[in-house]
Amino acid sequence: MREVLVRRDDNWKKLQQYILDEREQIEVRGPSRQPIWGERREYTWYVRDGFFVRSPVRFNGVDISEAERRKYEAGYLRRAQERDRRAGQPPASAPQPATGERQEPDALPAVDGLLKQVREPQFVSSAYFLRFKFEAGKYALVGREKLLDREVMRIEYYPAELYTPRQQRRMAREHDPKDPRDAEIQRMLNKVAVVTLWIEPASHQIVKYTFDNIDFDFLPARWLVRLDTVRASMTMNQPFPDVWLPQELEFHVAADFASGRVDVRWSVAYYDYREPEVTTRIRSSSQR
């Protein structure tokens, strides 16, 4: 498991340039599975000024305008540079056009330079949403299975300190350590939490994992709402030889109210990883 955790973050820099697409969906369904609300957003990720930038393409079927796209990208790039600055890496300055030349305003996004960012991009960090430290002796090999046409080992982890003051600080959660009821709820949440991992043994790579809270009968206010399901999963894929990158994330929460059951699903798919083929049109001052 130590080797698996070391390999957890070392894939995204193996290729210095690649592009991928993202599709984010959320839907809320009420009693009888009737849709209440939903949203679908599509993005493209590419390298700009040495940083992975998330570029909006389409929201709920409506194409994003060029001005809105560029504004979103500029803000995203600033935030990525600031994250790296806090990590000890000075932000890269944007390249300027040569004198007497300008880039066409409708030119394709430039995929330029090699990766400079230190911290992982969002599409990598979101895949490892459970960034806890494994506790020795709390996980066990269940057996061998086949996943994504690969022989993998299935491991179940039964955490005792997943919901603790230290872990909650890591995951930006609030709690009252002096409240005995809060402490008891934390203990019970640890007791019913199960993390299942599928690991490719040759490369020590996490191929998939799921997080489940299997029983919530101890929670208060069950007369008002009964939490039935909390499940999250992440699946990796190998879009390039020996390079593992996120493929899909999914969260599902289901609760029973007096009026009926409510299901909330949020999913993100990362797909169509490819190496960039960039064309940029340049017009000199003599062509104006």
Protein backbone atom coordinates (compact mmCIF):
# COMPACT_ATOMS: atom_id res chain seq x y z
CA MET A 1 0.00 0.00 0.00
CA ARG A 2 2.93 2.35 0.60
CA GLU A 3 4.03 1.90 -3.01
CA VAL A 4 0.47 2.39 -4.25
CA LEU A 5 0.18 5.72 -2.44
CA VAL A 6 3.56 6.87 -3.77
CA ARG A 7 2.33 6.17 -7.32
CA ARG A 8 -0.95 8.00 -6.69
CA ASP A 9 0.15 11.34 -8.13
CA ASP A 10 3.08 10.61 -10.46
CA ASN A 11 1.23 10.08 -13.76
CA TRP A 12 -0.02 13.44 -14.95
CA LYS A 13 3.47 14.82 -15.69
CA LYS A 14 4.69 11.89 -17.76
CA LEU A 15 3.53 13.63 -20.93
CA GLN A 16 4.39 17.31 -21.22
CA GLN A 17 1.46 18.13 -23.48
CA TYR A 18 -1.94 16.58 -23.93
CA ILE A 19 -5.56 17.65 -24.29
CA LEU A 20 -8.71 16.13 -22.85
CA ASP A 21 -12.42 16.81 -22.68
CA GLU A 22 -14.61 16.94 -19.58
CA ARG A 23 -18.35 16.43 -19.19
CA GLU A 24 -19.92 17.36 -15.84
CA GLN A 25 -23.50 16.41 -15.02
CA ILE A 26 -25.74 16.80 -11.99
CA GLU A 27 -29.32 15.66 -11.62
CA VAL A 28 -31.84 15.67 -8.81
CA ARG A 29 -34.78 13.26 -8.90
CA GLY A 30 -37.76 13.18 -6.61
CA PRO A 31 -40.38 10.55 -5.81
CA SER A 32 -41.05 8.03 -8.62
CA ARG A 33 -37.70 9.07 -10.13
CA GLN A 34 -39.20 12.24 -11.54
CA PRO A 35 -36.51 14.77 -12.56
CA ILE A 36 -36.49 17.94 -10.46
CA TRP A 37 -33.37 19.72 -11.65
CA GLY A 38 -30.30 19.02 -13.74
CA GLU A 39 -27.32 20.60 -15.43
CA ARG A 40 -24.70 19.55 -17.98
CA ARG A 41 -21.43 21.34 -18.69
CA GLU A 42 -18.66 20.54 -21.14
CA TYR A 43 -15.05 21.69 -21.04
CA THR A 44 -11.72 21.15 -22.79
CA TRP A 45 -8.40 21.04 -20.94
CA TYR A 46 -5.19 22.18 -22.64
CA VAL A 47 -1.75 23.54 -21.70
CA ARG A 48 -1.45 27.32 -21.81
CA ASP A 49 1.65 29.17 -20.61
CA GLY A 50 2.85 25.96 -18.96
CA PHE A 51 -0.36 25.34 -17.00
CA PHE A 52 -3.37 23.12 -17.58
CA VAL A 53 -6.33 25.41 -18.25
CA ARG A 54 -10.00 24.45 -18.17
CA SER A 55 -11.83 25.97 -21.14
CA PRO A 56 -15.67 26.03 -21.18
CA VAL A 57 -17.26 24.76 -24.39
CA ARG A 58 -20.98 24.26 -23.82
CA PHE A 59 -23.42 24.65 -20.90
CA ASN A 60 -26.77 22.84 -21.09
CA GLY A 61 -26.42 22.53 -24.85
CA VAL A 62 -25.62 26.22 -25.41
CA ASP A 63 -22.22 27.07 -26.92
CA ILE A 64 -20.05 29.44 -24.88
CA SER A 65 -19.14 32.66 -26.67
CA GLU A 66 -15.52 33.42 -27.51
CA ALA A 67 -15.42 36.40 -25.11
CA GLU A 68 -16.84 34.39 -22.19
CA ARG A 69 -14.49 31.50 -22.90
CA ARG A 70 -11.41 33.71 -22.92
CA LYS A 71 -12.51 35.46 -19.72
CA TYR A 72 -13.04 32.12 -17.96
CA GLU A 73 -9.65 30.80 -19.16
CA ALA A 74 -7.81 33.93 -18.00
CA GLY A 75 -9.35 33.70 -14.53
CA TYR A 76 -8.60 29.99 -14.32
CA LEU A 77 -4.97 30.54 -15.36
CA ARG A 78 -4.52 33.24 -12.71
CA ARG A 79 -5.85 30.91 -10.01
CA ALA A 80 -3.59 28.07 -11.16
CA GLN A 81 -0.55 30.35 -11.12
CA GLU A 82 -1.47 31.60 -7.65
CA ARG A 83 -1.74 28.02 -6.36
CA ASP A 84 1.74 27.30 -7.69
CA ARG A 85 3.07 30.53 -6.21
CA ARG A 86 1.83 29.42 -2.79
CA ALA A 87 3.53 26.08 -3.41
CA GLY A 88 6.85 27.89 -3.99
CA GLN A 89 6.85 28.12 -7.79
CA PRO A 90 6.85 31.63 -9.37
CA PRO A 91 4.03 32.05 -11.90
CA ALA A 92 4.96 31.96 -15.55
CA SER A 93 4.53 35.14 -17.53
CA ALA A 94 2.39 35.01 -20.63
CA PRO A 95 4.35 35.20 -23.93
CA GLN A 96 3.84 38.38 -25.93
CA PRO A 97 3.47 38.54 -29.75
CA ALA A 98 6.51 39.72 -31.67
CA THR A 99 6.63 43.36 -32.78
CA GLY A 100 4.57 43.98 -35.88
CA GLU A 101 2.58 40.76 -35.48
CA ARG A 102 -0.68 39.96 -33.88
CA GLN A 103 -2.67 36.79 -33.42
CA GLU A 104 -6.06 36.53 -35.05
CA PRO A 105 -8.78 37.00 -32.43
CA ASP A 106 -10.55 33.83 -33.59
CA ALA A 107 -7.42 31.68 -33.59
CA LEU A 108 -7.51 28.35 -31.80
CA PRO A 109 -6.22 28.23 -28.18
CA ALA A 110 -2.45 27.97 -28.21
CA VAL A 111 -0.98 24.82 -26.66
CA ASP A 112 2.43 26.17 -25.94
CA GLY A 113 5.55 25.26 -24.00
CA LEU A 114 6.16 22.47 -21.52
CA LEU A 115 4.45 21.99 -18.20
CA LYS A 116 5.64 24.39 -15.52
CA GLN A 117 3.04 23.94 -12.80
CA VAL A 118 4.03 22.20 -9.59
CA ARG A 119 0.64 21.32 -8.13
CA GLU A 120 -1.58 18.85 -9.90
CA PRO A 121 -4.38 20.22 -12.12
CA GLN A 122 -7.97 19.99 -10.96
CA PHE A 123 -8.84 17.00 -13.12
CA VAL A 124 -6.16 15.02 -11.25
CA SER A 125 -6.81 16.31 -7.72
CA SER A 126 -10.57 15.75 -8.05
CA ALA A 127 -9.96 12.09 -8.87
CA TYR A 128 -8.29 11.57 -5.50
CA PHE A 129 -11.00 13.23 -3.46
CA LEU A 130 -10.25 10.88 -0.53
CA ARG A 131 -6.74 12.01 0.34
CA PHE A 132 -6.57 10.29 3.69
CA LYS A 133 -3.58 8.41 5.06
CA PHE A 134 -4.13 4.67 5.22
CA GLU A 135 -4.01 3.18 8.69
CA ALA A 136 -1.84 0.10 9.05
CA GLY A 137 -3.75 -3.07 9.79
CA LYS A 138 -7.11 -1.62 8.70
CA TYR A 139 -7.21 -3.02 5.17
CA ALA A 140 -7.31 -6.54 3.77
CA LEU A 141 -6.92 -8.32 0.43
CA VAL A 142 -10.33 -9.63 -0.61
CA GLY A 143 -9.25 -11.40 -3.78
CA ARG A 144 -8.35 -11.03 -7.42
CA GLU A 145 -10.75 -9.74 -10.07
CA LYS A 146 -10.76 -8.54 -13.66
CA LEU A 147 -11.36 -4.84 -14.33
CA LEU A 148 -10.75 -2.91 -17.57
CA ASP A 149 -9.42 -6.17 -19.06
CA ARG A 150 -6.73 -6.28 -16.39
CA GLU A 151 -6.06 -8.59 -13.49
CA VAL A 152 -6.43 -6.49 -10.35
CA MET A 153 -6.42 -7.01 -6.60
CA ARG A 154 -9.46 -5.96 -4.60
CA ILE A 155 -8.62 -4.44 -1.23
CA GLU A 156 -11.09 -3.28 1.41
CA TYR A 157 -10.12 -0.56 3.86
CA TYR A 158 -12.00 -0.15 7.14
CA PRO A 159 -10.90 3.23 8.51
CA ALA A 160 -10.95 4.03 12.20
CA GLU A 161 -9.81 7.66 11.81
CA LEU A 162 -11.45 8.79 8.57
CA TYR A 163 -13.76 11.11 10.52
CA THR A 164 -11.39 12.64 13.07
CA PRO A 165 -10.45 16.23 13.94
CA ARG A 166 -7.17 15.88 12.02
CA GLN A 167 -8.81 14.45 8.91
CA GLN A 168 -11.62 16.99 9.02
CA ARG A 169 -9.04 19.78 8.99
CA ARG A 170 -7.53 18.20 5.87
CA MET A 171 -10.94 18.05 4.21
CA ALA A 172 -12.03 21.53 5.38
CA ARG A 173 -14.85 20.31 7.60
CA GLU A 174 -16.02 21.87 10.83
CA HIS A 175 -16.83 20.12 14.07
CA ASP A 176 -16.86 20.71 17.81
CA PRO A 177 -14.30 18.46 19.55
CA LYS A 178 -15.85 19.22 22.96
CA ASP A 179 -19.31 18.03 21.99
CA PRO A 180 -19.73 14.38 23.11
CA ARG A 181 -22.60 13.86 20.65
CA ASP A 182 -20.38 15.08 17.80
CA ALA A 183 -17.62 12.72 18.93
CA GLU A 184 -20.05 9.80 19.01
CA ILE A 185 -21.31 10.58 15.51
CA GLN A 186 -17.70 10.69 14.29
CA ARG A 187 -17.05 7.30 15.87
CA MET A 188 -20.12 5.78 14.25
CA LEU A 189 -19.30 7.29 10.85
CA ASN A 190 -15.88 5.66 11.03
CA LYS A 191 -17.53 2.38 12.00
CA VAL A 192 -19.79 2.21 8.92
CA ALA A 193 -17.34 3.62 6.32
CA VAL A 194 -15.79 1.23 3.81
CA VAL A 195 -13.32 2.09 1.05
CA THR A 196 -12.79 -0.51 -1.68
CA LEU A 197 -9.79 -0.29 -4.00
CA TRP A 198 -8.94 -2.19 -7.16
CA ILE A 199 -5.16 -2.13 -7.71
CA GLU A 200 -3.12 -3.21 -10.72
CA PRO A 201 -0.25 -5.01 -8.92
CA ALA A 202 2.47 -4.75 -11.58
CA SER A 203 2.37 -0.94 -11.66
CA HIS A 204 1.02 -0.44 -8.09
CA GLN A 205 -1.70 1.69 -9.67
CA ILE A 206 -5.14 2.41 -8.20
CA VAL A 207 -7.48 1.54 -11.09
CA LYS A 208 -10.72 2.24 -9.21
CA TYR A 209 -11.99 2.93 -5.75
CA THR A 210 -15.34 3.39 -4.10
CA PHE A 211 -16.37 4.97 -0.81
CA ASP A 212 -19.50 3.78 1.00
CA ASN A 213 -21.24 4.65 4.24
CA ILE A 214 -23.38 1.55 4.63
CA ASP A 215 -25.68 2.40 7.55
CA PHE A 216 -26.97 5.71 8.94
CA ASP A 217 -29.51 4.54 11.51
CA PHE A 218 -27.55 6.30 14.27
CA LEU A 219 -27.99 9.80 12.79
CA PRO A 220 -30.37 12.22 14.56
CA ALA A 221 -33.62 13.66 13.15
CA ARG A 222 -34.57 10.44 11.36
CA TRP A 223 -38.20 11.47 11.84
CA LEU A 224 -37.52 14.25 9.32
CA VAL A 225 -35.07 12.67 6.87
CA ARG A 226 -33.52 9.25 6.57
CA LEU A 227 -30.19 9.16 4.76
CA ASP A 228 -30.21 5.97 2.74
CA THR A 229 -27.15 6.02 0.45
CA VAL A 230 -23.84 7.84 0.29
CA ARG A 231 -21.54 6.44 -2.35
CA ALA A 232 -18.63 7.85 -4.33
CA SER A 233 -16.46 6.18 -6.93
CA MET A 234 -13.49 7.00 -9.13
CA THR A 235 -12.17 5.08 -12.14
CA MET A 236 -8.83 5.53 -13.86
CA ASN A 237 -7.86 4.67 -17.43
CA GLN A 238 -4.69 4.35 -19.48
CA PRO A 239 -5.15 6.72 -22.45
CA PHE A 240 -1.43 6.66 -23.26
CA PRO A 241 1.07 3.81 -22.78
CA ASP A 242 2.06 3.55 -19.10
CA VAL A 243 0.14 6.73 -18.21
CA TRP A 244 -2.87 6.41 -15.86
CA LEU A 245 -5.27 9.34 -15.76
CA PRO A 246 -8.81 9.90 -14.42
CA GLN A 247 -11.72 8.58 -16.45
CA GLU A 248 -14.84 9.01 -14.31
CA LEU A 249 -16.05 10.25 -10.94
CA GLU A 250 -19.52 9.71 -9.55
CA PHE A 251 -21.28 10.73 -6.32
CA HIS A 252 -24.71 9.45 -5.32
CA VAL A 253 -26.71 10.55 -2.28
CA ALA A 254 -30.23 9.28 -1.58
CA ALA A 255 -32.52 10.36 1.27
CA ASP A 256 -36.09 9.52 2.26
CA PHE A 257 -38.44 12.33 3.27
CA ALA A 258 -42.10 12.22 4.22
CA SER A 259 -42.93 13.22 0.66
CA GLY A 260 -40.79 10.46 -0.83
CA ARG A 261 -37.25 9.61 -1.90
CA VAL A 262 -34.81 12.17 -3.31
CA ASP A 263 -31.74 11.12 -5.32
CA VAL A 264 -28.83 13.40 -6.14
CA ARG A 265 -26.20 12.26 -8.66
CA TRP A 266 -23.12 14.19 -9.73
CA SER A 267 -20.73 12.75 -12.29
CA VAL A 268 -17.68 13.90 -14.21
CA ALA A 269 -16.27 12.10 -17.23
CA TYR A 270 -12.77 12.80 -18.56
CA TYR A 271 -12.41 11.46 -22.09
CA ASP A 272 -10.78 11.83 -25.50
CA TYR A 273 -7.24 12.28 -24.16
CA ARG A 274 -5.02 13.17 -27.11
CA GLU A 275 -1.74 14.79 -27.95
CA PRO A 276 -2.24 18.30 -29.36
CA GLU A 277 -2.19 19.24 -32.99
CA VAL A 278 -2.11 23.03 -32.99
CA THR A 279 -2.57 25.45 -35.84
CA THR A 280 -2.27 29.17 -35.20
CA ARG A 281 -2.79 31.85 -37.80
CA ILE A 282 -0.43 34.83 -37.66
CA ARG A 283 -0.87 37.94 -39.78
CA SER A 284 1.97 40.44 -40.08
CA SER A 285 1.48 44.20 -40.22
CA SER A 286 2.10 44.19 -44.00
CA GLN A 287 -1.05 42.07 -44.48
CA ARG A 288 -3.36 44.45 -42.63
